[in-house]
């Protein structure tokens, strides 16, 4: 196994992690920001108010992006398995 292959594998792993988590984090961030603005406007200072909508937003994002996420992970897994053949040489 060459150092270049290890670096490429690490880079692709980080890239996959970032791409797969981005939609969920963005949904959660947007909902949290909207709830914070609502709390600031209405002067409601309840910490638990943002918790349930964020969970619901992440669940909705999972439902929306799950097909893409599964396809991406399947392709990434196939790529990793193809590296095994390269490493044997």
PDB file of N, CA and C in Angstrom:
ATOM      1  N   UNK A   1       0.855  -1.170   0.000  1.00  0.00           N
ATOM      2  CA  UNK A   1       0.000   0.000   0.000  1.00  0.00           C
ATOM      3  C   UNK A   1       0.902   1.233   0.000  1.00  0.00           C
ATOM      4  N   UNK A   2       0.684   2.069  -0.985  1.00  0.00           N
ATOM      5  CA  UNK A   2       1.525   3.253  -1.115  1.00  0.00           C
ATOM      6  C   UNK A   2       0.957   4.396  -0.265  1.00  0.00           C
ATOM      7  N   UNK A   3       1.821   5.327   0.104  1.00  0.00           N
ATOM      8  CA  UNK A   3       1.331   6.490   0.865  1.00  0.00           C
ATOM      9  C   UNK A   3       0.289   7.302   0.093  1.00  0.00           C
ATOM     10  N   UNK A   4       0.423   7.374  -1.224  1.00  0.00           N
ATOM     11  CA  UNK A   4      -0.546   8.107  -2.030  1.00  0.00           C
ATOM     12  C   UNK A   4      -1.924   7.468  -1.948  1.00  0.00           C
ATOM     13  N   UNK A   5      -1.961   6.137  -1.920  1.00  0.00           N
ATOM     14  CA  UNK A   5      -3.229   5.427  -1.821  1.00  0.00           C
ATOM     15  C   UNK A   5      -3.892   5.666  -0.460  1.00  0.00           C
ATOM     16  N   UNK A   6      -3.083   5.696   0.585  1.00  0.00           N
ATOM     17  CA  UNK A   6      -3.609   5.963   1.925  1.00  0.00           C
ATOM     18  C   UNK A   6      -4.174   7.379   2.001  1.00  0.00           C
ATOM     19  N   UNK A   7      -3.454   8.338   1.445  1.00  0.00           N
ATOM     20  CA  UNK A   7      -3.917   9.723   1.453  1.00  0.00           C
ATOM     21  C   UNK A   7      -5.201   9.849   0.632  1.00  0.00           C
ATOM     22  N   UNK A   8      -5.247   9.202  -0.507  1.00  0.00           N
ATOM     23  CA  UNK A   8      -6.451   9.248  -1.340  1.00  0.00           C
ATOM     24  C   UNK A   8      -7.637   8.612  -0.618  1.00  0.00           C
ATOM     25  N   UNK A   9      -7.410   7.502   0.043  1.00  0.00           N
ATOM     26  CA  UNK A   9      -8.476   6.828   0.790  1.00  0.00           C
ATOM     27  C   UNK A   9      -8.976   7.698   1.946  1.00  0.00           C
ATOM     28  N   UNK A  10      -8.063   8.334   2.660  1.00  0.00           N
ATOM     29  CA  UNK A  10      -8.448   9.220   3.760  1.00  0.00           C
ATOM     30  C   UNK A  10      -9.219  10.429   3.242  1.00  0.00           C
ATOM     31  N   UNK A  11      -8.754  11.003   2.141  1.00  0.00           N
ATOM     32  CA  UNK A  11      -9.432  12.156   1.559  1.00  0.00           C
ATOM     33  C   UNK A  11     -10.845  11.797   1.116  1.00  0.00           C
ATOM     34  N   UNK A  12     -11.000  10.673   0.458  1.00  0.00           N
ATOM     35  CA  UNK A  12     -12.324  10.234   0.006  1.00  0.00           C
ATOM     36  C   UNK A  12     -13.237   9.922   1.191  1.00  0.00           C
ATOM     37  N   UNK A  13     -12.671   9.386   2.275  1.00  0.00           N
ATOM     38  CA  UNK A  13     -13.477   9.089   3.463  1.00  0.00           C
ATOM     39  C   UNK A  13     -13.994  10.377   4.098  1.00  0.00           C
ATOM     40  N   UNK A  14     -13.133  11.372   4.234  1.00  0.00           N
ATOM     41  CA  UNK A  14     -13.565  12.661   4.779  1.00  0.00           C
ATOM     42  C   UNK A  14     -14.596  13.324   3.866  1.00  0.00           C
ATOM     43  N   UNK A  15     -14.373  13.231   2.573  1.00  0.00           N
ATOM     44  CA  UNK A  15     -15.305  13.804   1.616  1.00  0.00           C
ATOM     45  C   UNK A  15     -16.677  13.144   1.728  1.00  0.00           C
ATOM     46  N   UNK A  16     -16.686  11.828   1.840  1.00  0.00           N
ATOM     47  CA  UNK A  16     -17.957  11.103   1.970  1.00  0.00           C
ATOM     48  C   UNK A  16     -18.667  11.488   3.265  1.00  0.00           C
ATOM     49  N   UNK A  17     -17.919  11.596   4.343  1.00  0.00           N
ATOM     50  CA  UNK A  17     -18.519  11.976   5.627  1.00  0.00           C
ATOM     51  C   UNK A  17     -19.136  13.365   5.552  1.00  0.00           C
ATOM     52  N   UNK A  18     -18.420  14.312   4.967  1.00  0.00           N
ATOM     53  CA  UNK A  18     -18.933  15.674   4.848  1.00  0.00           C
ATOM     54  C   UNK A  18     -20.161  15.748   3.945  1.00  0.00           C
ATOM     55  N   UNK A  19     -20.108  15.063   2.811  1.00  0.00           N
ATOM     56  CA  UNK A  19     -21.231  15.111   1.881  1.00  0.00           C
ATOM     57  C   UNK A  19     -22.479  14.444   2.449  1.00  0.00           C
ATOM     58  N   UNK A  20     -22.298  13.358   3.178  1.00  0.00           N
ATOM     59  CA  UNK A  20     -23.456  12.649   3.721  1.00  0.00           C
ATOM     60  C   UNK A  20     -24.072  13.364   4.919  1.00  0.00           C
ATOM     61  N   UNK A  21     -23.259  14.073   5.677  1.00  0.00           N
ATOM     62  CA  UNK A  21     -23.806  14.758   6.849  1.00  0.00           C
ATOM     63  C   UNK A  21     -24.302  16.166   6.537  1.00  0.00           C
ATOM     64  N   UNK A  22     -23.881  16.738   5.423  1.00  0.00           N
ATOM     65  CA  UNK A  22     -24.222  18.124   5.097  1.00  0.00           C
ATOM     66  C   UNK A  22     -25.729  18.394   5.015  1.00  0.00           C
ATOM     67  N   UNK A  23     -26.522  17.594   4.309  1.00  0.00           N
ATOM     68  CA  UNK A  23     -27.955  17.924   4.232  1.00  0.00           C
ATOM     69  C   UNK A  23     -28.639  17.906   5.602  1.00  0.00           C
ATOM     70  N   UNK A  24     -28.282  16.956   6.445  1.00  0.00           N
ATOM     71  CA  UNK A  24     -28.899  16.874   7.766  1.00  0.00           C
ATOM     72  C   UNK A  24     -28.490  18.058   8.631  1.00  0.00           C
ATOM     73  N   UNK A  25     -27.215  18.408   8.578  1.00  0.00           N
ATOM     74  CA  UNK A  25     -26.740  19.541   9.362  1.00  0.00           C
ATOM     75  C   UNK A  25     -27.323  20.864   8.873  1.00  0.00           C
ATOM     76  N   UNK A  26     -27.460  21.010   7.578  1.00  0.00           N
ATOM     77  CA  UNK A  26     -28.023  22.249   7.030  1.00  0.00           C
ATOM     78  C   UNK A  26     -29.487  22.389   7.430  1.00  0.00           C
ATOM     79  N   UNK A  27     -30.260  21.294   7.324  1.00  0.00           N
ATOM     80  CA  UNK A  27     -31.657  21.347   7.756  1.00  0.00           C
ATOM     81  C   UNK A  27     -31.744  21.732   9.225  1.00  0.00           C
ATOM     82  N   UNK A  28     -30.935  21.098  10.050  1.00  0.00           N
ATOM     83  CA  UNK A  28     -30.952  21.386  11.485  1.00  0.00           C
ATOM     84  C   UNK A  28     -30.545  22.837  11.761  1.00  0.00           C
ATOM     85  N   UNK A  29     -29.547  23.315  11.058  1.00  0.00           N
ATOM     86  CA  UNK A  29     -29.080  24.690  11.237  1.00  0.00           C
ATOM     87  C   UNK A  29     -30.157  25.707  10.853  1.00  0.00           C
ATOM     88  N   UNK A  30     -30.814  25.490   9.729  1.00  0.00           N
ATOM     89  CA  UNK A  30     -31.846  26.422   9.270  1.00  0.00           C
ATOM     90  C   UNK A  30     -33.019  26.445  10.246  1.00  0.00           C
ATOM     91  N   UNK A  31     -33.465  25.274  10.683  1.00  0.00           N
ATOM     92  CA  UNK A  31     -34.580  25.226  11.632  1.00  0.00           C
ATOM     93  C   UNK A  31     -34.174  25.873  12.954  1.00  0.00           C
ATOM     94  N   UNK A  32     -32.967  25.600  13.427  1.00  0.00           N
ATOM     95  CA  UNK A  32     -32.497  26.224  14.665  1.00  0.00           C
ATOM     96  C   UNK A  32     -32.431  27.732  14.557  1.00  0.00           C
ATOM     97  N   UNK A  33     -31.986  28.232  13.403  1.00  0.00           N
ATOM     98  CA  UNK A  33     -31.929  29.677  13.187  1.00  0.00           C
ATOM     99  C   UNK A  33     -33.327  30.289  13.164  1.00  0.00           C
ATOM    100  N   UNK A  34     -34.258  29.646  12.482  1.00  0.00           N
ATOM    101  CA  UNK A  34     -35.629  30.152  12.431  1.00  0.00           C
ATOM    102  C   UNK A  34     -36.269  30.160  13.819  1.00  0.00           C
ATOM    103  N   UNK A  35     -36.036  29.108  14.589  1.00  0.00           N
ATOM    104  CA  UNK A  35     -36.598  29.047  15.954  1.00  0.00           C
ATOM    105  C   UNK A  35     -35.955  30.131  16.825  1.00  0.00           C
ATOM    106  N   UNK A  36     -34.658  30.352  16.666  1.00  0.00           N
ATOM    107  CA  UNK A  36     -33.981  31.394  17.447  1.00  0.00           C
ATOM    108  C   UNK A  36     -34.530  32.779  17.118  1.00  0.00           C
ATOM    109  N   UNK A  37     -34.765  33.018  15.839  1.00  0.00           N
ATOM    110  CA  UNK A  37     -35.347  34.300  15.448  1.00  0.00           C
ATOM    111  C   UNK A  37     -36.745  34.440  16.036  1.00  0.00           C
ATOM    112  N   UNK A  38     -37.538  33.376  15.967  1.00  0.00           N
ATOM    113  CA  UNK A  38     -38.881  33.397  16.547  1.00  0.00           C
ATOM    114  C   UNK A  38     -38.826  33.671  18.045  1.00  0.00           C
ATOM    115  N   UNK A  39     -37.887  33.024  18.742  1.00  0.00           N
ATOM    116  CA  UNK A  39     -37.752  33.239  20.190  1.00  0.00           C
ATOM    117  C   UNK A  39     -37.320  34.671  20.497  1.00  0.00           C
ATOM    118  N   UNK A  40     -36.451  35.220  19.680  1.00  0.00           N
ATOM    119  CA  UNK A  40     -36.003  36.593  19.916  1.00  0.00           C
ATOM    120  C   UNK A  40     -37.136  37.596  19.683  1.00  0.00           C
ATOM    121  N   UNK A  41     -37.939  37.346  18.681  1.00  0.00           N
ATOM    122  CA  UNK A  41     -39.042  38.260  18.362  1.00  0.00           C
ATOM    123  C   UNK A  41     -40.131  38.192  19.434  1.00  0.00           C
ATOM    124  N   UNK A  42     -40.434  36.987  19.904  1.00  0.00           N
ATOM    125  CA  UNK A  42     -41.527  36.822  20.868  1.00  0.00           C
ATOM    126  C   UNK A  42     -41.061  36.851  22.320  1.00  0.00           C
ATOM    127  N   UNK A  43     -39.791  36.974  22.553  1.00  0.00           N
ATOM    128  CA  UNK A  43     -39.203  36.982  23.902  1.00  0.00           C
ATOM    129  C   UNK A  43     -39.500  35.703  24.681  1.00  0.00           C
ATOM    130  N   UNK A  44     -39.621  34.598  23.974  1.00  0.00           N
ATOM    131  CA  UNK A  44     -39.784  33.296  24.629  1.00  0.00           C
ATOM    132  C   UNK A  44     -38.388  32.715  24.811  1.00  0.00           C
ATOM    133  N   UNK A  45     -37.993  32.486  26.037  1.00  0.00           N
ATOM    134  CA  UNK A  45     -36.660  31.962  26.325  1.00  0.00           C
ATOM    135  C   UNK A  45     -36.742  30.529  26.841  1.00  0.00           C
ATOM    136  N   UNK A  46     -37.257  29.657  26.012  1.00  0.00           N
ATOM    137  CA  UNK A  46     -37.390  28.254  26.384  1.00  0.00           C
ATOM    138  C   UNK A  46     -36.360  27.449  25.593  1.00  0.00           C
ATOM    139  N   UNK A  47     -35.432  26.811  26.293  1.00  0.00           N
ATOM    140  CA  UNK A  47     -34.350  26.080  25.629  1.00  0.00           C
ATOM    141  C   UNK A  47     -34.845  24.830  24.914  1.00  0.00           C
ATOM    142  N   UNK A  48     -35.898  24.228  25.424  1.00  0.00           N
ATOM    143  CA  UNK A  48     -36.381  22.988  24.818  1.00  0.00           C
ATOM    144  C   UNK A  48     -37.259  23.219  23.608  1.00  0.00           C
ATOM    145  N   UNK A  49     -37.620  24.454  23.325  1.00  0.00           N
ATOM    146  CA  UNK A  49     -38.501  24.746  22.197  1.00  0.00           C
ATOM    147  C   UNK A  49     -37.859  24.370  20.860  1.00  0.00           C
ATOM    148  N   UNK A  50     -36.578  24.520  20.718  1.00  0.00           N
ATOM    149  CA  UNK A  50     -35.906  24.240  19.453  1.00  0.00           C
ATOM    150  C   UNK A  50     -35.572  22.762  19.278  1.00  0.00           C
ATOM    151  N   UNK A  51     -35.659  21.984  20.335  1.00  0.00           N
ATOM    152  CA  UNK A  51     -35.220  20.596  20.277  1.00  0.00           C
ATOM    153  C   UNK A  51     -36.102  19.740  19.374  1.00  0.00           C
ATOM    154  N   UNK A  52     -37.389  19.736  19.591  1.00  0.00           N
ATOM    155  CA  UNK A  52     -38.307  18.889  18.813  1.00  0.00           C
ATOM    156  C   UNK A  52     -38.339  19.279  17.329  1.00  0.00           C
ATOM    157  N   UNK A  53     -38.440  20.558  16.977  1.00  0.00           N
ATOM    158  CA  UNK A  53     -38.427  20.895  15.544  1.00  0.00           C
ATOM    159  C   UNK A  53     -37.136  20.483  14.842  1.00  0.00           C
ATOM    160  N   UNK A  54     -36.009  20.561  15.536  1.00  0.00           N
ATOM    161  CA  UNK A  54     -34.750  20.130  14.920  1.00  0.00           C
ATOM    162  C   UNK A  54     -34.766  18.629  14.644  1.00  0.00           C
ATOM    163  N   UNK A  55     -35.276  17.859  15.588  1.00  0.00           N
ATOM    164  CA  UNK A  55     -35.357  16.411  15.382  1.00  0.00           C
ATOM    165  C   UNK A  55     -36.271  16.100  14.205  1.00  0.00           C
ATOM    166  N   UNK A  56     -37.400  16.777  14.142  1.00  0.00           N
ATOM    167  CA  UNK A  56     -38.331  16.567  13.034  1.00  0.00           C
ATOM    168  C   UNK A  56     -37.686  16.970  11.706  1.00  0.00           C
ATOM    169  N   UNK A  57     -36.953  18.075  11.701  1.00  0.00           N
ATOM    170  CA  UNK A  57     -36.287  18.528  10.477  1.00  0.00           C
ATOM    171  C   UNK A  57     -35.244  17.523  10.009  1.00  0.00           C
ATOM    172  N   UNK A  58     -34.495  16.951  10.934  1.00  0.00           N
ATOM    173  CA  UNK A  58     -33.489  15.955  10.558  1.00  0.00           C
ATOM    174  C   UNK A  58     -34.171  14.691  10.033  1.00  0.00           C
ATOM    175  N   UNK A  59     -35.286  14.306  10.625  1.00  0.00           N
ATOM    176  CA  UNK A  59     -36.019  13.138  10.135  1.00  0.00           C
ATOM    177  C   UNK A  59     -36.566  13.382   8.727  1.00  0.00           C
ATOM    178  N   UNK A  60     -37.085  14.579   8.482  1.00  0.00           N
ATOM    179  CA  UNK A  60     -37.572  14.924   7.146  1.00  0.00           C
ATOM    180  C   UNK A  60     -36.423  14.925   6.149  1.00  0.00           C
ATOM    181  N   UNK A  61     -35.290  15.470   6.552  1.00  0.00           N
ATOM    182  CA  UNK A  61     -34.116  15.471   5.670  1.00  0.00           C
ATOM    183  C   UNK A  61     -33.657  14.053   5.367  1.00  0.00           C
ATOM    184  N   UNK A  62     -33.713  13.178   6.360  1.00  0.00           N
ATOM    185  CA  UNK A  62     -33.345  11.774   6.128  1.00  0.00           C
ATOM    186  C   UNK A  62     -34.279  11.134   5.105  1.00  0.00           C
ATOM    187  N   UNK A  63     -35.566  11.400   5.230  1.00  0.00           N
ATOM    188  CA  UNK A  63     -36.528  10.837   4.282  1.00  0.00           C
ATOM    189  C   UNK A  63     -36.279  11.366   2.877  1.00  0.00           C
ATOM    190  N   UNK A  64     -36.004  12.663   2.771  1.00  0.00           N
ATOM    191  CA  UNK A  64     -35.787  13.273   1.454  1.00  0.00           C
ATOM    192  C   UNK A  64     -34.485  12.795   0.820  1.00  0.00           C
ATOM    193  N   UNK A  65     -33.400  12.777   1.603  1.00  0.00           N
ATOM    194  CA  UNK A  65     -32.073  12.504   1.050  1.00  0.00           C
ATOM    195  C   UNK A  65     -31.630  11.049   1.165  1.00  0.00           C
ATOM    196  N   UNK A  66     -32.439  10.183   1.766  1.00  0.00           N
ATOM    197  CA  UNK A  66     -32.009   8.797   1.968  1.00  0.00           C
ATOM    198  C   UNK A  66     -31.658   8.072   0.669  1.00  0.00           C
ATOM    199  N   UNK A  67     -32.459   8.188  -0.399  1.00  0.00           N
ATOM    200  CA  UNK A  67     -32.062   7.488  -1.641  1.00  0.00           C
ATOM    201  C   UNK A  67     -30.698   7.932  -2.160  1.00  0.00           C
ATOM    202  N   UNK A  68     -30.462   9.240  -2.149  1.00  0.00           N
ATOM    203  CA  UNK A  68     -29.158   9.739  -2.605  1.00  0.00           C
ATOM    204  C   UNK A  68     -28.036   9.266  -1.683  1.00  0.00           C
ATOM    205  N   UNK A  69     -28.294   9.292  -0.382  1.00  0.00           N
ATOM    206  CA  UNK A  69     -27.272   8.883   0.577  1.00  0.00           C
ATOM    207  C   UNK A  69     -26.920   7.401   0.390  1.00  0.00           C
ATOM    208  N   UNK A  70     -27.923   6.566   0.174  1.00  0.00           N
ATOM    209  CA  UNK A  70     -27.660   5.140  -0.030  1.00  0.00           C
ATOM    210  C   UNK A  70     -26.893   4.890  -1.320  1.00  0.00           C
ATOM    211  N   UNK A  71     -27.246   5.602  -2.373  1.00  0.00           N
ATOM    212  CA  UNK A  71     -26.530   5.460  -3.635  1.00  0.00           C
ATOM    213  C   UNK A  71     -25.076   5.884  -3.477  1.00  0.00           C
ATOM    214  N   UNK A  72     -24.878   7.012  -2.810  1.00  0.00           N
ATOM    215  CA  UNK A  72     -23.512   7.501  -2.603  1.00  0.00           C
ATOM    216  C   UNK A  72     -22.694   6.517  -1.775  1.00  0.00           C
ATOM    217  N   UNK A  73     -23.284   6.005  -0.701  1.00  0.00           N
ATOM    218  CA  UNK A  73     -22.561   5.051   0.150  1.00  0.00           C
ATOM    219  C   UNK A  73     -22.289   3.744  -0.587  1.00  0.00           C
ATOM    220  N   UNK A  74     -23.217   3.293  -1.411  1.00  0.00           N
ATOM    221  CA  UNK A  74     -22.990   2.075  -2.197  1.00  0.00           C
ATOM    222  C   UNK A  74     -21.833   2.272  -3.172  1.00  0.00           C
ATOM    223  N   UNK A  75     -21.818   3.406  -3.851  1.00  0.00           N
ATOM    224  CA  UNK A  75     -20.714   3.703  -4.770  1.00  0.00           C
ATOM    225  C   UNK A  75     -19.388   3.802  -4.025  1.00  0.00           C
ATOM    226  N   UNK A  76     -19.409   4.442  -2.861  1.00  0.00           N
ATOM    227  CA  UNK A  76     -18.190   4.570  -2.067  1.00  0.00           C
ATOM    228  C   UNK A  76     -17.704   3.197  -1.597  1.00  0.00           C
ATOM    229  N   UNK A  77     -18.612   2.334  -1.205  1.00  0.00           N
ATOM    230  CA  UNK A  77     -18.233   0.984  -0.762  1.00  0.00           C
ATOM    231  C   UNK A  77     -17.635   0.196  -1.922  1.00  0.00           C
ATOM    232  N   UNK A  78     -18.244   0.308  -3.095  1.00  0.00           N
ATOM    233  CA  UNK A  78     -17.661  -0.369  -4.264  1.00  0.00           C
ATOM    234  C   UNK A  78     -16.259   0.159  -4.555  1.00  0.00           C
ATOM    235  N   UNK A  79     -16.065   1.453  -4.401  1.00  0.00           N
ATOM    236  CA  UNK A  79     -14.746   2.048  -4.627  1.00  0.00           C
ATOM    237  C   UNK A  79     -13.724   1.507  -3.621  1.00  0.00           C
ATOM    238  N   UNK A  80     -14.138   1.373  -2.375  1.00  0.00           N
ATOM    239  CA  UNK A  80     -13.241   0.829  -1.347  1.00  0.00           C
ATOM    240  C   UNK A  80     -12.871  -0.621  -1.681  1.00  0.00           C
ATOM    241  N   UNK A  81     -13.865  -1.392  -2.109  1.00  0.00           N
ATOM    242  CA  UNK A  81     -13.579  -2.784  -2.482  1.00  0.00           C
ATOM    243  C   UNK A  81     -12.647  -2.862  -3.685  1.00  0.00           C
ATOM    244  N   UNK A  82     -12.743  -1.914  -4.594  1.00  0.00           N
ATOM    245  CA  UNK A  82     -11.823  -1.907  -5.731  1.00  0.00           C
ATOM    246  C   UNK A  82     -10.400  -1.579  -5.281  1.00  0.00           C
ATOM    247  N   UNK A  83     -10.268  -0.811  -4.194  1.00  0.00           N
ATOM    248  CA  UNK A  83      -8.944  -0.520  -3.641  1.00  0.00           C
ATOM    249  C   UNK A  83      -8.284  -1.788  -3.088  1.00  0.00           C
ATOM    250  N   UNK A  84      -9.077  -2.718  -2.623  1.00  0.00           N
ATOM    251  CA  UNK A  84      -8.518  -3.960  -2.069  1.00  0.00           C
ATOM    252  C   UNK A  84      -7.715  -4.685  -3.153  1.00  0.00           C
ATOM    253  N   UNK A  85      -8.247  -4.729  -4.358  1.00  0.00           N
ATOM    254  CA  UNK A  85      -7.523  -5.358  -5.455  1.00  0.00           C
ATOM    255  C   UNK A  85      -6.226  -4.614  -5.754  1.00  0.00           C
ATOM    256  N   UNK A  86      -6.270  -3.288  -5.677  1.00  0.00           N
ATOM    257  CA  UNK A  86      -5.076  -2.478  -5.916  1.00  0.00           C
ATOM    258  C   UNK A  86      -4.035  -2.699  -4.828  1.00  0.00           C
ATOM    259  N   UNK A  87      -4.491  -2.866  -3.586  1.00  0.00           N
ATOM    260  CA  UNK A  87      -3.564  -3.048  -2.461  1.00  0.00           C
ATOM    261  C   UNK A  87      -2.865  -4.397  -2.515  1.00  0.00           C
ATOM    262  N   UNK A  88      -3.480  -5.383  -3.106  1.00  0.00           N
ATOM    263  CA  UNK A  88      -2.878  -6.712  -3.159  1.00  0.00           C
ATOM    264  C   UNK A  88      -1.664  -6.751  -4.059  1.00  0.00           C
ATOM    265  N   UNK A  89      -1.552  -5.789  -4.964  1.00  0.00           N
ATOM    266  CA  UNK A  89      -0.429  -5.788  -5.920  1.00  0.00           C
ATOM    267  C   UNK A  89       0.769  -5.082  -5.366  1.00  0.00           C
TER     268      UNK A  89
END
